[in-house]
């Protein structure tokens, strides 16, 4: 069997060892060297190009169904749970907490839940939502396990590494949001990011009010492709007498986008995190669909004749 092996950036250092394990069973293994940002970004074109019988995608759970032979291999991280003791002092004022994590710590989830319950907390766990597959799981682009609980809890607790995943949840909720990071040994609230990103979003909208030519970014990645949304936004822009161009790519190169000097602003329809995390990489405003609609609404208001 010919196998294409795909690892995300943080786990690529394990690719050769894993390939040798598969080769020892008699399989031919080829390793994808392309960047990948999750199960929304499967190496399907490479799989087709080398006529692979199977793609083994390491580190993520299934994102959505694709018409290909894909095996998803989870990567579990055993984190030291003793840091949970440190988190209790931050949660004294909160009785009912919403608990979330990533797929890498799902195997520890029940132990974390029991810890808080044994210390007098009522723990609420959101059901799988959208692309997430496990109770309490969040993705960078799917935080329904948290946002759906916003009215039911006093605070949220995220257990896991970094702030990439919890940041998406923070921006979609309103309650205090505590991040318990076992690898750096830190416990901190991320609530201040709400105001930071609200101001950034408002700034992008205001700086786009003079834009007349928009570049609409459409990805070819299996879980990010949204051509229909791109067409819809293009039609709305043109309806107001402005110009829009559809830009297609698998992975957007921001240096290349910066060379497209004709555009006054860009609109993202790919991974929703692009318009949150990558705005500083472009010299022109980078809007999401909702921000574009706000721009169009404000432009329309300005264009109305005074009574």
Protein backbone atom coordinates (compact mmCIF):
# COMPACT_ATOMS: atom_id res chain seq x y z
CA UNK A 1 0.00 0.00 0.00
CA UNK A 2 1.22 3.50 -0.81
CA UNK A 3 0.56 5.85 2.11
CA UNK A 4 0.83 9.62 2.21
CA UNK A 5 1.67 10.78 5.72
CA UNK A 6 0.65 14.26 6.87
CA UNK A 7 1.69 15.94 10.11
CA UNK A 8 0.75 19.42 11.43
CA UNK A 9 3.55 21.90 12.01
CA UNK A 10 4.05 21.21 15.70
CA UNK A 11 4.36 17.46 15.17
CA UNK A 12 6.43 17.27 11.99
CA UNK A 13 9.47 16.24 14.03
CA UNK A 14 7.79 12.85 14.53
CA UNK A 15 7.11 12.22 10.83
CA UNK A 16 10.19 10.12 9.95
CA UNK A 17 9.88 7.81 12.95
CA UNK A 18 6.21 7.21 12.21
CA UNK A 19 6.96 6.63 8.52
CA UNK A 20 9.54 3.98 9.43
CA UNK A 21 6.99 2.21 11.59
CA UNK A 22 4.59 2.00 8.65
CA UNK A 23 7.37 0.94 6.27
CA UNK A 24 8.29 -1.93 8.59
CA UNK A 25 4.84 -3.36 7.84
CA UNK A 26 5.66 -3.38 4.13
CA UNK A 27 3.97 -0.12 3.09
CA UNK A 28 5.49 2.53 0.87
CA UNK A 29 5.35 5.83 2.76
CA UNK A 30 5.73 9.36 1.43
CA UNK A 31 5.71 12.32 3.80
CA UNK A 32 3.92 15.55 2.92
CA UNK A 33 6.21 18.54 3.48
CA UNK A 34 3.48 21.11 2.85
CA UNK A 35 2.20 23.19 5.76
CA UNK A 36 -1.09 22.03 7.23
CA UNK A 37 -3.33 23.83 9.67
CA UNK A 38 -5.66 21.02 10.70
CA UNK A 39 -8.04 18.44 9.32
CA UNK A 40 -9.60 21.24 7.28
CA UNK A 41 -6.36 21.16 5.29
CA UNK A 42 -5.88 17.60 4.04
CA UNK A 43 -3.20 16.89 1.42
CA UNK A 44 -5.77 15.61 -1.07
CA UNK A 45 -4.07 17.06 -4.16
CA UNK A 46 -0.76 15.45 -3.18
CA UNK A 47 -2.58 12.19 -2.47
CA UNK A 48 -4.07 12.26 -5.95
CA UNK A 49 -0.77 13.26 -7.57
CA UNK A 50 1.19 10.29 -6.18
CA UNK A 51 -1.79 7.90 -6.46
CA UNK A 52 -1.67 7.11 -2.75
CA UNK A 53 -4.03 4.41 -1.49
CA UNK A 54 -4.48 6.16 1.84
CA UNK A 55 -3.77 9.46 3.55
CA UNK A 56 -2.83 9.22 7.22
CA UNK A 57 -3.52 12.58 8.87
CA UNK A 58 -1.82 12.76 12.22
CA UNK A 59 -2.79 14.91 15.18
CA UNK A 60 -6.39 15.90 14.48
CA UNK A 61 -9.86 14.38 14.58
CA UNK A 62 -12.01 14.22 11.46
CA UNK A 63 -13.20 17.69 10.45
CA UNK A 64 -15.80 16.73 7.87
CA UNK A 65 -16.34 13.90 5.43
CA UNK A 66 -14.23 13.84 2.28
CA UNK A 67 -14.44 11.46 -0.64
CA UNK A 68 -11.05 9.85 -0.02
CA UNK A 69 -9.47 7.13 2.10
CA UNK A 70 -8.29 9.16 5.10
CA UNK A 71 -7.19 7.74 8.44
CA UNK A 72 -7.11 10.17 11.35
CA UNK A 73 -4.58 9.39 14.08
CA UNK A 74 -5.09 11.35 17.29
CA UNK A 75 -2.13 12.71 19.20
CA UNK A 76 -2.70 12.68 22.95
CA UNK A 77 -0.68 14.78 25.35
CA UNK A 78 -0.39 13.78 28.99
CA UNK A 79 -0.26 17.05 30.87
CA UNK A 80 0.46 17.46 34.56
CA UNK A 81 -2.90 18.03 36.25
CA UNK A 82 -1.38 19.42 39.44
CA UNK A 83 -1.73 22.91 37.96
CA UNK A 84 -5.47 22.59 38.54
CA UNK A 85 -4.83 23.35 42.22
CA UNK A 86 -3.40 26.72 41.19
CA UNK A 87 -6.55 27.53 39.20
CA UNK A 88 -8.89 27.26 42.18
CA UNK A 89 -7.84 30.62 43.61
CA UNK A 90 -8.99 32.27 40.35
CA UNK A 91 -12.40 30.61 40.49
CA UNK A 92 -13.51 31.46 44.02
CA UNK A 93 -16.30 33.76 42.79
CA UNK A 94 -17.66 31.28 40.25
CA UNK A 95 -19.81 28.26 41.04
CA UNK A 96 -20.91 27.00 37.62
CA UNK A 97 -18.11 26.61 35.09
CA UNK A 98 -18.02 25.59 31.45
CA UNK A 99 -15.10 23.27 30.77
CA UNK A 100 -13.40 23.03 27.36
CA UNK A 101 -10.19 21.60 25.91
CA UNK A 102 -8.67 20.34 22.64
CA UNK A 103 -8.61 16.85 21.17
CA UNK A 104 -5.08 16.35 22.58
CA UNK A 105 -6.44 16.37 26.15
CA UNK A 106 -9.81 14.69 25.70
CA UNK A 107 -8.41 11.56 27.36
CA UNK A 108 -7.79 13.64 30.51
CA UNK A 109 -11.09 15.47 30.37
CA UNK A 110 -13.00 13.37 32.87
CA UNK A 111 -10.19 13.62 35.42
CA UNK A 112 -10.23 17.40 35.09
CA UNK A 113 -13.98 17.46 35.42
CA UNK A 114 -13.89 15.33 38.57
CA UNK A 115 -11.26 17.59 40.11
CA UNK A 116 -13.47 20.65 39.86
CA UNK A 117 -16.56 18.81 41.01
CA UNK A 118 -14.68 17.47 44.05
CA UNK A 119 -13.79 21.08 44.87
CA UNK A 120 -17.39 22.24 44.85
CA UNK A 121 -17.80 23.42 41.27
CA UNK A 122 -20.71 22.56 39.04
CA UNK A 123 -19.18 21.63 35.71
CA UNK A 124 -21.09 22.06 32.46
CA UNK A 125 -19.80 20.45 29.27
CA UNK A 126 -21.01 21.49 25.84
CA UNK A 127 -22.07 18.91 23.31
CA UNK A 128 -20.09 18.48 20.08
CA UNK A 129 -20.98 21.27 17.70
CA UNK A 130 -20.23 21.81 14.05
CA UNK A 131 -16.82 20.36 13.21
CA UNK A 132 -15.88 19.35 16.77
CA UNK A 133 -16.48 15.67 17.54
CA UNK A 134 -16.11 15.30 21.32
CA UNK A 135 -18.02 16.85 24.27
CA UNK A 136 -16.13 19.89 25.52
CA UNK A 137 -13.83 20.00 22.48
CA UNK A 138 -13.10 23.29 20.77
CA UNK A 139 -11.24 24.03 17.55
CA UNK A 140 -9.71 27.28 16.43
CA UNK A 141 -12.68 27.73 14.10
CA UNK A 142 -15.42 25.93 16.06
CA UNK A 143 -16.06 27.03 19.63
CA UNK A 144 -19.70 25.98 19.89
CA UNK A 145 -18.95 23.81 22.92
CA UNK A 146 -18.24 27.08 24.73
CA UNK A 147 -20.45 29.69 23.05
CA UNK A 148 -23.61 27.63 23.49
CA UNK A 149 -23.03 27.61 27.26
CA UNK A 150 -22.47 31.35 27.63
CA UNK A 151 -25.84 31.98 29.31
CA UNK A 152 -25.62 28.88 31.49
CA UNK A 153 -22.30 29.36 33.28
CA UNK A 154 -20.56 31.86 35.55
CA UNK A 155 -17.13 31.36 33.96
CA UNK A 156 -15.19 29.18 31.52
CA UNK A 157 -12.09 27.08 32.05
CA UNK A 158 -9.89 25.97 29.17
CA UNK A 159 -7.22 23.34 29.80
CA UNK A 160 -4.45 23.02 27.24
CA UNK A 161 -1.43 24.55 25.56
CA UNK A 162 -1.23 28.08 24.19
CA UNK A 163 -4.00 30.60 23.60
CA UNK A 164 -4.80 29.91 19.93
CA UNK A 165 -7.80 27.69 20.68
CA UNK A 166 -9.21 29.53 23.70
CA UNK A 167 -8.85 32.91 21.98
CA UNK A 168 -11.51 31.92 19.46
CA UNK A 169 -13.81 30.93 22.32
CA UNK A 170 -13.10 34.12 24.27
CA UNK A 171 -14.22 36.23 21.31
CA UNK A 172 -17.50 34.28 21.05
CA UNK A 173 -18.43 34.42 24.75
CA UNK A 174 -19.01 37.08 27.40
CA UNK A 175 -18.19 35.36 30.70
CA UNK A 176 -14.81 35.31 32.52
CA UNK A 177 -12.50 32.94 30.62
CA UNK A 178 -9.68 31.22 32.50
CA UNK A 179 -6.87 29.48 30.62
CA UNK A 180 -5.04 26.75 32.53
CA UNK A 181 -1.81 26.15 30.59
CA UNK A 182 0.00 23.09 31.99
CA UNK A 183 3.10 23.34 29.82
CA UNK A 184 4.07 26.88 30.81
CA UNK A 185 2.56 26.47 34.26
CA UNK A 186 0.40 29.58 33.85
CA UNK A 187 -3.18 30.34 34.87
CA UNK A 188 -4.68 33.55 33.50
CA UNK A 189 -7.91 35.17 32.37
CA UNK A 190 -8.05 36.22 28.72
CA UNK A 191 -11.03 38.56 29.03
CA UNK A 192 -8.99 41.63 28.01
CA UNK A 193 -8.67 40.21 24.49
CA UNK A 194 -12.35 40.87 23.86
CA UNK A 195 -11.86 44.62 24.02
CA UNK A 196 -8.59 44.45 22.09
CA UNK A 197 -10.15 42.59 19.17
CA UNK A 198 -13.36 44.64 19.28
CA UNK A 199 -11.28 47.78 18.79
CA UNK A 200 -9.25 46.11 16.03
CA UNK A 201 -12.42 45.09 14.24
CA UNK A 202 -13.86 48.58 14.51
CA UNK A 203 -10.62 50.03 13.22
CA UNK A 204 -10.66 47.74 10.18
CA UNK A 205 -14.23 48.73 9.38
CA UNK A 206 -13.57 52.45 9.66
CA UNK A 207 -10.37 52.23 7.58
CA UNK A 208 -12.31 50.42 4.84
CA UNK A 209 -14.99 53.08 4.40
CA UNK A 210 -13.05 54.67 1.56
CA UNK A 211 -12.36 51.36 -0.18
CA UNK A 212 -13.68 50.98 -3.72
CA UNK A 213 -11.95 47.75 -4.81
CA UNK A 214 -12.10 44.58 -2.72
CA UNK A 215 -10.14 41.35 -3.06
CA UNK A 216 -12.20 38.35 -1.91
CA UNK A 217 -10.02 35.48 -0.65
CA UNK A 218 -11.31 31.97 -1.46
CA UNK A 219 -9.38 28.90 -0.31
CA UNK A 220 -9.17 25.54 -2.09
CA UNK A 221 -8.55 23.67 1.20
CA UNK A 222 -11.05 20.89 1.74
CA UNK A 223 -12.55 22.38 4.90
CA UNK A 224 -12.19 26.05 4.06
CA UNK A 225 -13.52 26.27 0.50
CA UNK A 226 -16.45 28.67 0.32
CA UNK A 227 -16.83 29.84 -3.27
CA UNK A 228 -20.55 30.48 -2.87
CA UNK A 229 -19.94 32.94 -0.03
CA UNK A 230 -17.30 34.66 -2.15
CA UNK A 231 -19.74 35.03 -5.02
CA UNK A 232 -22.42 36.39 -2.69
CA UNK A 233 -20.09 39.01 -1.21
CA UNK A 234 -18.83 39.99 -4.66
CA UNK A 235 -22.40 40.59 -5.81
CA UNK A 236 -23.17 42.74 -2.74
CA UNK A 237 -20.06 44.86 -3.31
CA UNK A 238 -20.84 45.36 -6.99
CA UNK A 239 -24.46 46.18 -6.23
CA UNK A 240 -23.20 49.30 -4.49
CA UNK A 241 -21.20 50.34 -7.53
CA UNK A 242 -17.77 49.16 -6.37
CA UNK A 243 -15.38 46.55 -7.76
CA UNK A 244 -14.46 43.12 -6.40
CA UNK A 245 -12.10 40.41 -7.56
CA UNK A 246 -12.09 36.76 -6.51
CA UNK A 247 -8.68 35.55 -5.31
CA UNK A 248 -8.10 31.79 -5.18
CA UNK A 249 -5.26 29.98 -3.41
CA UNK A 250 -4.59 26.92 -1.28
CA UNK A 251 -2.43 28.78 1.22
CA UNK A 252 -2.50 32.56 0.96
CA UNK A 253 0.91 34.21 0.74
CA UNK A 254 0.59 37.62 2.37
CA UNK A 255 3.62 39.03 0.57
CA UNK A 256 1.89 38.17 -2.69
CA UNK A 257 -1.37 39.75 -1.52
CA UNK A 258 0.53 42.91 -0.58
CA UNK A 259 1.72 43.10 -4.19
CA UNK A 260 -1.89 43.36 -5.39
CA UNK A 261 -1.85 47.13 -5.11
CA UNK A 262 -5.14 47.64 -6.96
CA UNK A 263 -7.17 46.41 -3.99
CA UNK A 264 -8.09 48.79 -1.19
CA UNK A 265 -9.19 46.02 1.19
CA UNK A 266 -9.39 42.24 1.37
CA UNK A 267 -12.24 39.99 2.50
CA UNK A 268 -11.59 36.55 3.96
CA UNK A 269 -13.92 33.59 3.26
CA UNK A 270 -11.38 30.87 4.21
CA UNK A 271 -10.41 29.93 7.76
CA UNK A 272 -12.19 32.46 9.99
CA UNK A 273 -9.05 32.88 12.07
CA UNK A 274 -7.22 34.54 9.17
CA UNK A 275 -9.17 37.78 9.62
CA UNK A 276 -8.43 37.63 13.37
CA UNK A 277 -4.82 36.47 13.61
CA UNK A 278 -3.26 37.69 10.36
CA UNK A 279 -4.56 41.24 9.96
CA UNK A 280 -1.15 42.78 10.72
CA UNK A 281 0.44 40.87 7.84
CA UNK A 282 -1.38 42.94 5.22
CA UNK A 283 -0.89 46.61 4.46
CA UNK A 284 -4.60 46.90 3.59
CA UNK A 285 -7.55 46.06 5.86
CA UNK A 286 -8.44 42.36 6.08
CA UNK A 287 -12.15 41.94 6.80
CA UNK A 288 -14.35 38.98 7.58
CA UNK A 289 -17.79 38.69 5.98
CA UNK A 290 -19.60 40.37 8.89
CA UNK A 291 -17.15 43.28 8.91
CA UNK A 292 -17.64 43.71 5.17
CA UNK A 293 -21.40 43.86 5.65
CA UNK A 294 -20.91 46.56 8.27
CA UNK A 295 -18.72 48.52 5.84
CA UNK A 296 -21.35 48.24 3.11
CA UNK A 297 -24.10 49.30 5.50
CA UNK A 298 -22.17 52.37 6.64
CA UNK A 299 -21.34 53.28 3.04
CA UNK A 300 -25.00 53.00 2.15
CA UNK A 301 -25.97 55.26 5.05
CA UNK A 302 -23.41 57.85 3.98
CA UNK A 303 -24.73 57.76 0.43
CA UNK A 304 -28.31 58.61 1.44
CA UNK A 305 -29.35 62.18 0.63
CA UNK A 306 -29.95 64.37 3.64
CA UNK A 307 -33.59 65.02 4.45
